[in-house]
Protein backbone atom coordinates (compact mmCIF):
# COMPACT_ATOMS: atom_id res chain seq x y z
CA UNK A 1 72.35 74.71 152.94
CA UNK A 2 74.22 77.49 150.67
CA UNK A 3 77.21 75.69 149.43
CA UNK A 4 79.55 78.50 147.61
CA UNK A 5 82.52 78.18 145.47
CA UNK A 6 85.76 80.23 145.46
CA UNK A 7 89.30 79.70 144.11
CA UNK A 8 89.97 75.87 144.56
CA UNK A 9 87.33 75.51 147.34
CA UNK A 10 83.77 75.11 148.34
CA UNK A 11 82.51 76.76 151.72
CA UNK A 12 79.44 77.48 154.05
CA UNK A 13 79.12 80.68 155.78
CA UNK A 14 76.78 81.82 158.52
CA UNK A 15 76.44 85.33 159.43
CA UNK A 16 78.91 86.36 156.63
CA UNK A 17 81.51 84.11 158.41
CA UNK A 18 82.92 80.73 157.03
CA UNK A 19 81.97 78.13 159.11
CA UNK A 20 83.21 75.23 157.15
CA UNK A 21 85.43 74.48 153.91
CA UNK A 22 87.04 71.97 151.50
CA UNK A 23 90.16 72.88 149.97
CA UNK A 24 91.21 71.06 146.61
CA UNK A 25 93.66 71.58 143.96
CA UNK A 26 93.94 70.98 139.97
CA UNK A 27 97.65 71.17 139.64
CA UNK A 28 97.54 67.98 137.46
CA UNK A 29 95.60 68.01 134.25
CA UNK A 30 92.34 66.13 134.21
CA UNK A 31 92.57 65.65 138.12
CA UNK A 32 90.77 67.32 141.05
CA UNK A 33 92.55 66.58 144.38
CA UNK A 34 90.78 67.07 147.59
CA UNK A 35 93.13 68.18 149.95
CA UNK A 36 91.56 69.11 153.13
CA UNK A 37 87.99 69.49 154.87
CA UNK A 38 87.40 71.62 158.08
CA UNK A 39 84.35 72.41 160.11
CA UNK A 40 84.08 74.70 162.97
CA UNK A 41 84.12 72.90 166.40
CA UNK A 42 80.39 74.26 166.89
CA UNK A 43 79.31 72.80 163.81
CA UNK A 44 80.89 69.15 163.81
CA UNK A 45 78.33 66.57 163.40
CA UNK A 46 75.71 68.28 161.29
CA UNK A 47 76.86 66.82 158.17
CA UNK A 48 78.42 70.09 156.50
CA UNK A 49 81.77 68.21 155.95
CA UNK A 50 79.79 65.44 153.98
CA UNK A 51 77.75 67.92 152.20
CA UNK A 52 80.98 69.66 151.11
CA UNK A 53 82.56 66.39 149.95
CA UNK A 54 79.42 65.71 147.73
CA UNK A 55 79.61 68.91 146.33
CA UNK A 56 83.10 68.32 145.42
CA UNK A 57 82.65 65.31 143.90
CA UNK A 58 79.47 66.61 142.02
CA UNK A 59 82.04 69.31 140.70
CA UNK A 60 84.36 66.61 139.70
CA UNK A 61 81.84 65.00 137.65
CA UNK A 62 80.53 67.94 136.06
CA UNK A 63 83.97 69.18 134.87
CA UNK A 64 84.75 65.27 133.80
CA UNK A 65 87.68 65.08 136.32
CA UNK A 66 89.31 62.09 138.03
CA UNK A 67 88.88 62.60 141.88
CA UNK A 68 92.04 62.24 143.83
CA UNK A 69 91.45 61.89 147.54
CA UNK A 70 94.19 63.04 150.18
CA UNK A 71 91.82 64.07 152.69
CA UNK A 72 91.08 61.18 155.72
CA UNK A 73 87.81 62.54 155.97
CA UNK A 74 86.82 62.64 152.62
CA UNK A 75 88.03 59.26 152.18
CA UNK A 76 85.99 57.98 154.84
CA UNK A 77 82.87 59.79 153.41
CA UNK A 78 83.35 58.34 150.01
CA UNK A 79 84.10 55.00 151.46
CA UNK A 80 80.70 54.88 153.22
CA UNK A 81 79.04 55.98 149.76
CA UNK A 82 81.19 54.12 147.37
CA UNK A 83 78.56 54.79 144.44
CA UNK A 84 79.08 58.51 144.76
CA UNK A 85 82.11 58.70 142.27
CA UNK A 86 83.40 55.28 140.70
CA UNK A 87 86.82 56.95 139.31
CA UNK A 88 87.63 58.24 143.07
CA UNK A 89 91.46 57.19 144.22
CA UNK A 90 91.44 57.10 147.87
CA UNK A 91 95.20 56.42 148.04
CA UNK A 92 96.11 59.86 146.08
CA UNK A 93 97.92 58.08 142.94
């Protein structure tokens, strides 16, 4: 899967069209806030959303940013794999 990055998001395309994305903000110094994850209906259940969450977590680690999770889907993914990022704040604070 080829995950690409643009301004404040990671996304996956198929045939040049976006099929999934995760949106984050870095409005607060030292923090990356996961705001929203979406996957086109026909691609749901294939693990694309989870891969986007993991890529965003990796990016936060690479940039040494505290991760704040406001997206309910991303919260669920991180709860299922708590070791993915020990600094994650699932309550958005």
